[in-house]
Amino acid sequence: TPTASLSNGDSTTPVSTTPPQTTTTNGSPASNNLNNNNNNNVPSKINQLAESLKLEHQFLRVPFEHYKKSIRSDHKLVEKEISTVISETANRDIIMSQEEAVVHLTSLVNKLQGLKRKLEEGSKMENLQVQRCRARLDHLDAAASEEEGDGDGNSNGNNLSEWSNTRMKRILVDYMLRLSYYDTAVKLAECSNIQDLVDIEVFHEAKKVIDALHNKDVAPALAWCADNKSRLKKSKSKLEFQLRLQEFVELVRAENNLRAITYARKYLAPWGATHMKELQRVMATLAFKSNTECTMYKVLFEPKQWDHLVEQFKQEFCRLYGMTLEPLLNIYLQAGLSALKTPFCYEEDCTKEDPLSQESFRKLANPLPFSKQHHSKLVCYITKELMDTENPPLVLPNGYVYSTKALEEMARKNDGKVTCPRTGLVCNYSELVKAFIS
């Protein structure tokens, strides 16, 4: 098998024409331009779409969970109010005058009318969530229709492009909501007419809690925990306990020790069986005070504890609604970057065309493994075109490799002379050697 100094414009280290797992491209080993050579294994856009739809679990889960929550809330309300009315009407031990009975019955009627109004409001909320579930099913069904195509097996590319554009806007709105860019997210959803496809109201519910925690107020977060008590208990969440601890610490910070002790007896004691060590540590702040220099207790009074509560709430919120902890935008970007990440991406002469030449993408790709390339493509440094059997690579005397098309064009314009764009070496076209890659 012939060999050549295959460096494609960066290295002069001789290598065999049999390529390693990651070959050279754009003048360096293992560039992001390496792709699978086997076209038969490259999935079509429709297959890629089908795979990406597997990440749409939360797309349907969020409105459905909201719908179930509304039903549970209405059910509890009905049970409470109806049981109260029945108990008051069935109590025969109370002796009333006619006027008192009229007043009593009027009061019961008012309660039932109030219950009716609340149930009507709940019904509107449930219908809204059903509408959103329907809209999202239709949205996904539109993608399935594109996958199936028409009767001749053809799909409408324009519709697929429009559907993909809508999905991208959904992903951007999700990203903005998670990073607290609520106003921008609302405007994008409104101008794109995708209000039923995004979870703005759900995130607004979270926003109230997050804003309150930033203002060192745990009341909205505790109310949220009470509304979702059964589900948080099922997932063994510690959020409510952490909120109670923080409220106790704030009472100690304000030197209101008697109130802090009363608070601990009422709200912290029930957690003693499962969280005794944490409870003992926090109770010790009564003796160490907020100005302590003891690291173990000083950290409990630091402002970053509120940031921890915010992050913990976000995690519990995502779990409750079946959301991914990472924004979908990050997941999709990391999926793409995992196919592009190679050692060359972190070298100084990484090409600007490589997304990983940008620091923000490098940071996002940092925890990802390097791409494993078995079959690679060789891209010309000059023309950025693929080097293959139709446009084979040629090796200069200095070991740098460029495409035949680029070097022929250069020789034609310079009386048979070619110049290496990386080193400035000038040689005759006849001196070039064809590289063979198996």
Protein backbone atom coordinates (compact mmCIF):
# COMPACT_ATOMS: atom_id res chain seq x y z
CA THR A 1 0.00 0.00 0.00
CA PRO A 2 1.52 3.34 -0.96
CA THR A 3 2.26 5.76 1.85
CA ALA A 4 2.52 9.50 1.94
CA SER A 5 3.19 12.31 4.39
CA LEU A 6 -0.48 13.03 5.05
CA SER A 7 -0.75 16.22 7.09
CA ASN A 8 -3.18 18.36 5.11
CA GLY A 9 -1.49 21.64 5.92
CA ASP A 10 -0.49 21.46 9.56
CA SER A 11 1.91 18.70 10.44
CA THR A 12 4.87 17.13 8.73
CA THR A 13 4.65 13.84 10.59
CA PRO A 14 4.56 11.01 8.04
CA VAL A 15 1.53 8.75 8.35
CA SER A 16 0.26 5.73 6.52
CA THR A 17 -2.38 6.10 3.89
CA THR A 18 -4.47 3.79 6.03
CA PRO A 19 -6.39 6.29 8.18
CA PRO A 20 -6.54 6.08 11.95
CA GLN A 21 -9.84 6.36 13.79
CA THR A 22 -9.78 10.13 13.36
CA THR A 23 -8.14 11.43 10.21
CA THR A 24 -6.94 14.88 9.25
CA THR A 25 -9.02 17.64 7.77
CA ASN A 26 -8.67 21.38 7.25
CA GLY A 27 -4.99 21.04 8.00
CA SER A 28 -5.27 19.30 11.37
CA PRO A 29 -6.16 15.95 12.89
CA ALA A 30 -9.74 15.21 13.86
CA SER A 31 -11.59 18.36 12.85
CA ASN A 32 -15.29 18.79 13.34
CA ASN A 33 -15.75 18.38 9.60
CA LEU A 34 -15.27 14.62 9.96
CA ASN A 35 -18.45 12.75 9.13
CA ASN A 36 -19.56 9.27 8.35
CA ASN A 37 -18.62 8.29 4.82
CA ASN A 38 -21.27 5.64 4.53
CA ASN A 39 -24.21 7.54 3.04
CA ASN A 40 -26.45 4.53 3.51
CA ASN A 41 -26.13 4.91 7.29
CA VAL A 42 -26.87 8.63 7.36
CA PRO A 43 -30.43 9.02 8.67
CA SER A 44 -32.84 11.10 6.69
CA LYS A 45 -34.36 14.27 8.09
CA ILE A 46 -37.54 12.36 8.79
CA ASN A 47 -35.70 9.69 10.80
CA GLN A 48 -33.85 12.38 12.71
CA LEU A 49 -37.18 14.02 13.43
CA ALA A 50 -38.62 10.75 14.75
CA GLU A 51 -35.64 10.34 17.09
CA SER A 52 -35.83 13.90 18.40
CA LEU A 53 -39.53 13.49 19.19
CA LYS A 54 -38.49 11.14 21.99
CA LEU A 55 -37.45 14.27 23.90
CA GLU A 56 -41.00 15.65 23.71
CA HIS A 57 -42.16 13.83 26.85
CA GLN A 58 -42.47 17.03 28.87
CA PHE A 59 -44.24 18.72 25.94
CA LEU A 60 -47.37 16.66 26.73
CA ARG A 61 -46.65 15.93 30.38
CA VAL A 62 -46.78 19.53 31.64
CA PRO A 63 -50.35 20.45 30.57
CA PHE A 64 -51.53 16.96 31.57
CA GLU A 65 -50.04 17.31 35.07
CA HIS A 66 -51.60 20.76 35.34
CA TYR A 67 -54.92 19.25 34.29
CA LYS A 68 -54.69 16.51 36.93
CA LYS A 69 -53.76 19.08 39.56
CA SER A 70 -56.88 21.14 38.75
CA ILE A 71 -59.07 18.03 39.00
CA ARG A 72 -57.57 17.06 42.37
CA SER A 73 -58.02 20.59 43.68
CA ASP A 74 -61.69 20.69 42.60
CA HIS A 75 -62.30 17.23 44.06
CA LYS A 76 -60.90 18.24 47.45
CA LEU A 77 -62.94 21.44 47.38
CA VAL A 78 -66.17 19.56 46.62
CA GLU A 79 -65.53 16.99 49.33
CA LYS A 80 -64.84 19.68 51.92
CA GLU A 81 -67.78 21.94 51.11
CA ILE A 82 -70.34 19.18 50.54
CA SER A 83 -69.39 17.37 53.75
CA THR A 84 -69.79 20.66 55.64
CA VAL A 85 -73.24 21.28 54.15
CA ILE A 86 -74.39 17.71 54.78
CA SER A 87 -73.18 17.74 58.38
CA GLU A 88 -74.92 21.04 59.09
CA THR A 89 -78.22 19.96 57.52
CA ALA A 90 -78.17 16.53 59.16
CA ASN A 91 -77.55 17.86 62.68
CA ARG A 92 -80.91 17.38 64.41
CA ASP A 93 -79.68 18.33 67.87
CA ILE A 94 -79.82 22.04 67.06
CA ILE A 95 -83.18 23.61 67.76
CA MET A 96 -83.85 26.73 65.68
CA SER A 97 -86.64 29.17 65.22
CA GLN A 98 -88.12 29.64 61.77
CA GLU A 99 -86.09 32.80 61.19
CA GLU A 100 -82.87 31.15 62.36
CA ALA A 101 -83.55 28.20 60.09
CA VAL A 102 -84.04 30.53 57.11
CA VAL A 103 -80.78 32.32 57.89
CA HIS A 104 -79.00 28.99 58.32
CA LEU A 105 -80.33 27.58 55.06
CA THR A 106 -79.53 30.83 53.24
CA SER A 107 -75.95 30.52 54.52
CA LEU A 108 -75.76 26.96 53.18
CA VAL A 109 -77.15 28.05 49.82
CA ASN A 110 -74.53 30.81 49.64
CA LYS A 111 -71.84 28.23 50.33
CA LEU A 112 -73.11 26.02 47.54
CA GLN A 113 -73.30 28.99 45.18
CA GLY A 114 -69.73 29.90 46.09
CA LEU A 115 -68.73 26.29 45.45
CA LYS A 116 -70.45 26.44 42.07
CA ARG A 117 -68.53 29.58 41.10
CA LYS A 118 -65.23 27.98 42.13
CA LEU A 119 -66.03 24.83 40.18
CA GLU A 120 -66.90 26.90 37.12
CA GLU A 121 -63.51 28.61 37.36
CA GLY A 122 -61.87 25.23 37.80
CA SER A 123 -63.76 23.90 34.79
CA LYS A 124 -62.44 26.76 32.66
CA MET A 125 -58.90 25.96 33.76
CA GLU A 126 -59.40 22.26 33.00
CA ASN A 127 -60.84 23.05 29.56
CA LEU A 128 -57.84 25.28 28.88
CA GLN A 129 -55.44 22.47 29.75
CA VAL A 130 -57.42 20.02 27.60
CA GLN A 131 -57.21 22.53 24.75
CA ARG A 132 -53.45 22.72 25.19
CA CYS A 133 -53.11 18.94 25.24
CA ARG A 134 -55.15 18.78 22.04
CA ALA A 135 -53.05 21.51 20.38
CA ARG A 136 -49.84 19.71 21.31
CA LEU A 137 -51.10 16.38 20.06
CA ASP A 138 -52.05 18.04 16.77
CA HIS A 139 -48.59 19.60 16.60
CA LEU A 140 -46.90 16.23 17.02
CA ASP A 141 -49.39 14.59 14.67
CA ALA A 142 -48.38 17.10 12.01
CA ALA A 143 -44.81 15.83 12.31
CA ALA A 144 -46.03 12.24 12.04
CA SER A 145 -47.97 13.16 8.89
CA GLU A 146 -44.80 14.61 7.39
CA GLU A 147 -42.99 11.40 8.25
CA GLU A 148 -45.59 9.31 6.46
CA GLY A 149 -45.74 11.68 3.46
CA ASP A 150 -48.45 11.67 0.84
CA GLY A 151 -49.84 8.72 -1.03
CA ASP A 152 -46.77 8.58 -3.27
CA GLY A 153 -44.43 8.42 -0.30
CA ASN A 154 -43.40 12.07 -0.62
CA SER A 155 -43.49 14.59 2.20
CA ASN A 156 -43.99 18.31 1.90
CA GLY A 157 -40.64 19.93 2.63
CA ASN A 158 -42.19 23.36 3.20
CA ASN A 159 -44.54 22.02 5.89
CA LEU A 160 -41.69 20.15 7.55
CA SER A 161 -39.58 23.29 7.57
CA GLU A 162 -42.46 25.27 9.08
CA TRP A 163 -43.01 22.60 11.73
CA SER A 164 -39.31 22.58 12.62
CA ASN A 165 -39.33 26.38 12.86
CA THR A 166 -42.25 26.21 15.30
CA ARG A 167 -40.43 23.62 17.38
CA MET A 168 -37.32 25.80 17.48
CA LYS A 169 -39.40 28.70 18.79
CA ARG A 170 -40.87 26.41 21.45
CA ILE A 171 -37.39 25.38 22.54
CA LEU A 172 -36.28 29.03 22.70
CA VAL A 173 -39.31 30.00 24.80
CA ASP A 174 -38.57 27.09 27.16
CA TYR A 175 -34.96 28.27 27.47
CA MET A 176 -35.98 31.88 28.19
CA LEU A 177 -38.53 30.84 30.81
CA ARG A 178 -35.99 28.69 32.62
CA LEU A 179 -33.50 31.56 32.69
CA SER A 180 -36.18 34.02 33.92
CA TYR A 181 -36.47 36.02 30.68
CA TYR A 182 -40.24 35.94 31.08
CA ASP A 183 -41.17 39.09 29.15
CA THR A 184 -39.09 38.10 26.13
CA ALA A 185 -40.55 34.59 26.22
CA VAL A 186 -44.10 35.93 26.31
CA LYS A 187 -43.47 38.26 23.36
CA LEU A 188 -41.93 35.47 21.27
CA ALA A 189 -44.86 33.15 22.04
CA GLU A 190 -47.42 35.83 21.19
CA CYS A 191 -45.84 36.94 17.93
CA SER A 192 -45.42 33.31 16.87
CA ASN A 193 -48.95 32.36 18.01
CA ILE A 194 -47.72 29.34 19.99
CA GLN A 195 -49.24 30.13 23.40
CA ASP A 196 -50.84 26.67 23.59
CA LEU A 197 -47.52 25.01 22.80
CA VAL A 198 -45.49 26.59 25.62
CA ASP A 199 -45.78 26.56 29.42
CA ILE A 200 -45.77 30.25 30.27
CA GLU A 201 -48.44 30.04 33.00
CA VAL A 202 -46.69 27.15 34.72
CA PHE A 203 -43.41 29.05 34.77
CA HIS A 204 -45.18 32.19 35.99
CA GLU A 205 -46.33 30.10 38.94
CA ALA A 206 -42.70 29.24 39.60
CA LYS A 207 -41.62 32.85 39.04
CA LYS A 208 -43.68 34.05 42.01
CA VAL A 209 -41.94 31.56 44.28
CA ILE A 210 -38.48 32.32 42.89
CA ASP A 211 -38.94 36.09 43.19
CA ALA A 212 -40.09 35.67 46.79
CA LEU A 213 -37.07 33.52 47.65
CA HIS A 214 -34.77 36.13 46.14
CA ASN A 215 -36.49 38.61 48.47
CA LYS A 216 -35.91 36.20 51.41
CA ASP A 217 -39.58 35.30 51.74
CA VAL A 218 -40.42 31.59 52.08
CA ALA A 219 -44.22 31.95 52.36
CA PRO A 220 -45.04 31.41 48.63
CA ALA A 221 -42.66 28.45 48.48
CA LEU A 222 -44.29 26.88 51.56
CA ALA A 223 -47.73 27.45 50.02
CA TRP A 224 -46.50 25.70 46.85
CA CYS A 225 -45.26 22.79 48.96
CA ALA A 226 -48.66 22.58 50.68
CA ASP A 227 -50.47 22.50 47.32
CA ASN A 228 -48.25 19.64 46.14
CA LYS A 229 -47.70 17.95 49.49
CA SER A 230 -48.68 14.41 48.49
CA ARG A 231 -46.53 14.32 45.37
CA LEU A 232 -43.53 15.89 47.10
CA LYS A 233 -43.86 13.36 49.91
CA LYS A 234 -43.97 10.54 47.37
CA SER A 235 -40.70 11.76 45.83
CA LYS A 236 -39.15 12.17 49.33
CA SER A 237 -38.51 15.87 48.75
CA LYS A 238 -36.67 17.86 51.43
CA LEU A 239 -37.68 21.25 50.06
CA GLU A 240 -40.23 22.06 52.76
CA PHE A 241 -37.78 21.03 55.50
CA GLN A 242 -35.05 23.25 54.00
CA LEU A 243 -37.49 26.16 53.82
CA ARG A 244 -38.45 25.67 57.47
CA LEU A 245 -34.79 25.56 58.46
CA GLN A 246 -34.11 28.81 56.64
CA GLU A 247 -37.06 30.51 58.30
CA PHE A 248 -35.75 29.37 61.68
CA VAL A 249 -32.28 30.71 60.86
CA GLU A 250 -33.78 34.09 59.95
CA LEU A 251 -35.51 34.25 63.34
CA VAL A 252 -32.16 33.52 65.01
CA ARG A 253 -30.50 36.18 62.86
CA ALA A 254 -33.09 38.69 64.10
CA GLU A 255 -32.25 37.55 67.69
CA ASN A 256 -35.87 36.52 68.25
CA ASN A 257 -34.89 33.35 70.10
CA LEU A 258 -38.15 32.67 71.94
CA ARG A 259 -40.11 32.84 68.71
CA ALA A 260 -37.48 30.68 67.01
CA ILE A 261 -37.88 27.99 69.71
CA THR A 262 -41.66 28.08 69.39
CA TYR A 263 -41.32 27.84 65.61
CA ALA A 264 -38.96 24.85 65.91
CA ARG A 265 -41.35 22.99 68.21
CA LYS A 266 -44.23 23.48 65.81
CA TYR A 267 -42.62 23.08 62.37
CA LEU A 268 -39.21 21.41 62.80
CA ALA A 269 -39.88 18.80 65.49
CA PRO A 270 -41.96 16.58 63.15
CA TRP A 271 -38.87 16.20 60.93
CA GLY A 272 -36.68 14.99 63.80
CA ALA A 273 -37.17 11.30 63.07
CA THR A 274 -35.71 11.54 59.57
CA HIS A 275 -33.42 14.60 59.68
CA MET A 276 -32.09 14.73 63.22
CA LYS A 277 -28.47 15.64 62.37
CA GLU A 278 -29.44 18.62 60.24
CA LEU A 279 -31.95 19.69 62.85
CA GLN A 280 -29.37 19.55 65.64
CA ARG A 281 -26.91 21.58 63.61
CA VAL A 282 -29.44 24.34 62.93
CA MET A 283 -30.68 24.40 66.54
CA ALA A 284 -27.07 25.05 67.63
CA THR A 285 -27.28 28.48 65.96
CA LEU A 286 -29.22 29.63 69.02
CA ALA A 287 -25.94 29.48 70.89
CA PHE A 288 -23.52 30.53 68.13
CA LYS A 289 -25.53 33.52 66.81
CA SER A 290 -25.25 35.06 63.33
CA ASN A 291 -21.86 36.71 63.94
CA THR A 292 -20.10 33.43 64.71
CA GLU A 293 -16.75 32.69 63.05
CA CYS A 294 -17.24 28.94 63.37
CA THR A 295 -17.34 27.75 59.76
CA MET A 296 -19.83 24.96 60.43
CA TYR A 297 -22.49 27.43 61.60
CA LYS A 298 -21.38 30.59 59.83
CA VAL A 299 -22.31 29.09 56.47
CA LEU A 300 -25.94 28.77 57.61
CA PHE A 301 -26.22 32.56 57.81
CA GLU A 302 -24.64 33.28 54.42
CA PRO A 303 -26.81 34.78 51.64
CA LYS A 304 -25.93 31.91 49.29
CA GLN A 305 -28.29 29.69 51.29
CA TRP A 306 -31.14 31.50 49.56
CA ASP A 307 -29.58 30.73 46.18
CA HIS A 308 -29.44 27.07 47.15
CA LEU A 309 -33.15 27.20 47.99
CA VAL A 310 -33.92 28.71 44.58
CA GLU A 311 -32.01 25.95 42.80
CA GLN A 312 -33.63 23.27 44.94
CA PHE A 313 -37.08 24.66 44.18
CA LYS A 314 -36.32 24.68 40.43
CA GLN A 315 -35.31 21.03 40.60
CA GLU A 316 -38.44 20.02 42.51
CA PHE A 317 -40.58 22.07 40.15
CA CYS A 318 -39.12 20.30 37.10
CA ARG A 319 -39.56 16.88 38.68
CA LEU A 320 -43.17 17.63 39.58
CA TYR A 321 -44.09 18.43 35.98
CA GLY A 322 -41.84 15.81 34.39
CA MET A 323 -39.51 18.40 32.85
CA THR A 324 -35.86 17.88 32.05
CA LEU A 325 -33.57 19.58 34.56
CA GLU A 326 -31.54 21.00 31.64
CA PRO A 327 -33.23 23.28 29.08
CA LEU A 328 -34.09 21.45 25.86
CA LEU A 329 -31.90 23.93 23.97
CA ASN A 330 -28.85 22.75 25.91
CA ILE A 331 -29.74 19.10 25.31
CA TYR A 332 -30.08 19.56 21.56
CA LEU A 333 -26.89 21.62 21.35
CA GLN A 334 -24.94 19.08 23.37
CA ALA A 335 -26.24 16.29 21.15
CA GLY A 336 -24.83 18.10 18.13
CA LEU A 337 -21.60 19.10 19.81
CA SER A 338 -20.98 15.51 20.94
CA ALA A 339 -20.73 14.56 17.25
CA LEU A 340 -18.38 17.47 16.51
CA LYS A 341 -16.08 17.42 19.54
CA THR A 342 -12.54 16.26 18.70
CA PRO A 343 -9.10 17.04 20.18
CA PHE A 344 -8.42 19.46 17.31
CA CYS A 345 -11.29 21.68 18.49
CA TYR A 346 -9.18 22.71 21.50
CA GLU A 347 -6.04 23.57 19.56
CA GLU A 348 -5.02 27.16 18.83
CA ASP A 349 -5.30 26.79 15.05
CA CYS A 350 -8.85 25.41 15.19
CA THR A 351 -10.74 26.76 12.18
CA LYS A 352 -13.37 29.46 12.64
CA GLU A 353 -15.92 27.28 10.84
CA ASP A 354 -15.80 24.89 13.80
CA PRO A 355 -18.56 25.80 16.35
CA LEU A 356 -16.24 24.62 19.12
CA SER A 357 -13.82 27.39 18.27
CA GLN A 358 -16.17 29.61 20.32
CA GLU A 359 -15.71 29.64 24.08
CA SER A 360 -19.46 29.39 24.84
CA PHE A 361 -19.76 26.16 22.84
CA ARG A 362 -16.57 24.78 24.38
CA LYS A 363 -18.00 25.34 27.84
CA LEU A 364 -21.23 23.59 26.88
CA ALA A 365 -19.30 20.66 25.36
CA ASN A 366 -16.81 20.39 28.24
CA PRO A 367 -18.50 17.43 30.01
CA LEU A 368 -19.08 15.57 26.73
CA PRO A 369 -16.81 12.78 25.45
CA PHE A 370 -14.85 13.14 22.23
CA SER A 371 -16.60 11.98 19.09
CA LYS A 372 -15.62 8.48 17.98
CA GLN A 373 -14.96 8.57 14.23
CA HIS A 374 -14.54 5.29 12.35
CA HIS A 375 -15.15 6.62 8.86
CA SER A 376 -14.02 10.14 8.15
CA LYS A 377 -13.98 12.70 5.41
CA LEU A 378 -10.97 14.74 4.36
CA VAL A 379 -11.74 18.40 3.65
CA CYS A 380 -9.47 20.66 1.63
CA TYR A 381 -7.98 23.57 3.56
CA ILE A 382 -8.18 25.85 0.51
CA THR A 383 -11.61 25.14 -1.00
CA LYS A 384 -13.30 23.58 2.04
CA GLU A 385 -14.53 20.87 -0.34
CA LEU A 386 -14.50 17.12 0.24
CA MET A 387 -11.46 15.22 -0.99
CA ASP A 388 -12.51 11.86 -2.44
CA THR A 389 -12.00 9.73 -5.56
CA GLU A 390 -13.41 12.53 -7.73
CA ASN A 391 -11.22 15.15 -6.07
CA PRO A 392 -8.28 13.19 -4.58
CA PRO A 393 -5.77 14.62 -2.09
CA LEU A 394 -2.31 15.59 -3.34
CA VAL A 395 0.78 15.79 -1.13
CA LEU A 396 3.30 18.64 -1.47
CA PRO A 397 7.05 17.99 -0.94
CA ASN A 398 6.76 19.54 2.51
CA GLY A 399 4.09 17.01 3.55
CA TYR A 400 1.03 19.27 3.41
CA VAL A 401 -2.08 17.95 1.67
CA TYR A 402 -4.65 19.81 -0.44
CA SER A 403 -7.28 18.80 -2.99
CA THR A 404 -6.54 18.19 -6.67
CA LYS A 405 -9.12 20.75 -7.73
CA ALA A 406 -7.51 23.52 -5.65
CA LEU A 407 -3.95 22.73 -6.77
CA GLU A 408 -4.89 22.35 -10.46
CA GLU A 409 -6.59 25.74 -10.36
CA MET A 410 -3.52 27.26 -8.68
CA ALA A 411 -1.12 25.68 -11.22
CA ARG A 412 -3.23 26.83 -14.16
CA LYS A 413 -3.01 30.43 -12.99
CA ASN A 414 0.73 30.29 -12.16
CA ASP A 415 2.36 28.51 -15.11
CA GLY A 416 2.37 25.10 -13.43
CA LYS A 417 3.57 26.38 -10.07
CA VAL A 418 1.74 25.80 -6.78
CA THR A 419 2.30 27.61 -3.51
CA CYS A 420 1.57 26.10 -0.11
CA PRO A 421 -0.75 28.62 1.62
CA ARG A 422 0.53 27.56 5.04
CA THR A 423 4.31 27.63 4.56
CA GLY A 424 4.81 29.58 1.33
CA LEU A 425 6.69 26.69 -0.35
CA VAL A 426 6.66 26.99 -4.17
CA CYS A 427 6.98 23.84 -6.32
CA ASN A 428 5.98 22.44 -9.70
CA TYR A 429 2.68 20.68 -10.05
CA SER A 430 4.58 17.66 -11.38
CA GLU A 431 6.28 17.26 -8.00
CA LEU A 432 3.01 16.51 -6.22
CA VAL A 433 2.21 12.97 -5.10
CA LYS A 434 -1.26 11.50 -4.99
CA ALA A 435 -2.34 10.21 -1.58
CA PHE A 436 -4.25 6.94 -1.32
CA ILE A 437 -6.58 6.44 1.63
CA SER A 438 -8.06 3.02 2.36
